[in-house]
């Protein structure tokens, strides 16, 4: 649902804050693992809702965090294609790659 997508978006923003977990003395590795899990779940929700651009952003952030996206590469390519198709249908893109 869109409320779940919104909740995960807020969680991602909170986990992106520079001082997250410092006051509570939470290890950086735990924060990183939590952020990875939240990004993966958010990407899945976005795909189901047709929010392909947000899912692609999540995949890019996962790659930046060092997550091996090799296994997800086929899914990423499929999402890129679906997003391009959606843009073409709405007239926002002239050509689908």
Protein backbone atom coordinates (compact mmCIF):
# COMPACT_ATOMS: atom_id res chain seq x y z
CA UNK A 1 0.00 0.00 0.00
CA UNK A 2 1.03 3.60 -0.38
CA UNK A 3 1.15 4.08 3.40
CA UNK A 4 3.77 1.30 3.66
CA UNK A 5 5.80 2.97 0.92
CA UNK A 6 5.58 6.26 2.78
CA UNK A 7 6.61 4.65 6.07
CA UNK A 8 9.65 3.02 4.47
CA UNK A 9 10.59 6.32 2.80
CA UNK A 10 10.60 7.98 6.21
CA UNK A 11 12.70 5.14 7.65
CA UNK A 12 15.24 5.52 4.83
CA UNK A 13 15.48 9.26 5.48
CA UNK A 14 16.01 8.66 9.20
CA UNK A 15 18.71 6.07 8.53
CA UNK A 16 20.48 8.55 6.23
CA UNK A 17 20.99 11.08 9.03
CA UNK A 18 24.67 11.59 9.90
CA UNK A 19 24.37 11.06 13.64
CA UNK A 20 21.94 8.14 13.54
CA UNK A 21 22.54 5.78 16.44
CA UNK A 22 25.40 7.77 17.96
CA UNK A 23 23.44 8.94 21.00
CA UNK A 24 22.13 5.43 21.55
CA UNK A 25 25.59 3.91 20.95
CA UNK A 26 24.34 1.67 18.13
CA UNK A 27 27.06 0.15 15.96
CA UNK A 28 27.47 1.48 12.42
CA UNK A 29 27.35 -2.07 11.06
CA UNK A 30 23.92 -2.60 12.59
CA UNK A 31 22.66 0.67 11.10
CA UNK A 32 24.08 -0.35 7.70
CA UNK A 33 22.40 -3.78 7.85
CA UNK A 34 19.11 -2.19 8.87
CA UNK A 35 19.32 0.33 6.04
CA UNK A 36 19.99 -2.47 3.53
CA UNK A 37 16.94 -4.41 4.73
CA UNK A 38 14.73 -1.30 4.64
CA UNK A 39 15.91 -0.43 1.11
CA UNK A 40 15.24 -3.97 -0.11
CA UNK A 41 11.73 -3.97 1.34
CA UNK A 42 11.02 -0.47 0.04
CA UNK A 43 12.14 -1.48 -3.47
CA UNK A 44 9.77 -4.46 -3.43
CA UNK A 45 6.85 -2.31 -2.31
CA UNK A 46 7.64 0.31 -4.95
CA UNK A 47 7.71 -2.32 -7.70
CA UNK A 48 4.30 -3.62 -6.63
CA UNK A 49 2.93 -0.07 -6.65
CA UNK A 50 4.46 0.75 -10.03
CA UNK A 51 6.86 3.31 -8.50
CA UNK A 52 9.74 2.06 -10.63
CA UNK A 53 11.83 5.21 -10.33
CA UNK A 54 11.88 4.87 -6.55
CA UNK A 55 12.78 1.17 -6.80
CA UNK A 56 15.69 2.03 -9.09
CA UNK A 57 16.85 4.67 -6.61
CA UNK A 58 16.78 2.03 -3.88
CA UNK A 59 18.82 -0.37 -6.01
CA UNK A 60 21.38 2.38 -6.65
CA UNK A 61 21.66 3.07 -2.91
CA UNK A 62 22.06 -0.65 -2.22
CA UNK A 63 24.93 -0.78 -4.71
CA UNK A 64 26.52 2.26 -3.03
CA UNK A 65 26.31 0.40 0.29
CA UNK A 66 28.34 -2.40 -1.27
CA UNK A 67 25.50 -4.87 -1.75
CA UNK A 68 26.32 -7.32 -4.53
CA UNK A 69 23.57 -6.59 -7.01
CA UNK A 70 24.66 -9.36 -9.43
CA UNK A 71 21.82 -11.64 -8.34
CA UNK A 72 19.38 -8.73 -8.61
CA UNK A 73 20.66 -7.56 -12.00
CA UNK A 74 17.86 -9.24 -13.97
CA UNK A 75 15.23 -7.69 -11.69
CA UNK A 76 16.88 -4.26 -12.00
CA UNK A 77 16.84 -4.53 -15.79
CA UNK A 78 13.19 -5.57 -15.74
CA UNK A 79 12.29 -2.60 -13.51
CA UNK A 80 14.23 -0.25 -15.81
CA UNK A 81 12.29 -1.61 -18.78
CA UNK A 82 8.93 -1.29 -16.98
CA UNK A 83 9.80 2.28 -15.96
CA UNK A 84 10.79 3.17 -19.53
CA UNK A 85 7.56 1.63 -20.85
CA UNK A 86 5.53 3.58 -18.32
CA UNK A 87 7.25 6.82 -19.36
CA UNK A 88 6.60 6.07 -23.02
CA UNK A 89 2.90 5.44 -22.35
CA UNK A 90 2.58 8.73 -20.52
CA UNK A 91 4.45 10.56 -23.29
CA UNK A 92 7.34 11.52 -21.01
CA UNK A 93 9.91 9.51 -22.96
CA UNK A 94 10.35 9.29 -26.70
CA UNK A 95 12.31 6.05 -26.81
CA UNK A 96 12.61 3.06 -24.47
CA UNK A 97 16.16 1.78 -24.08
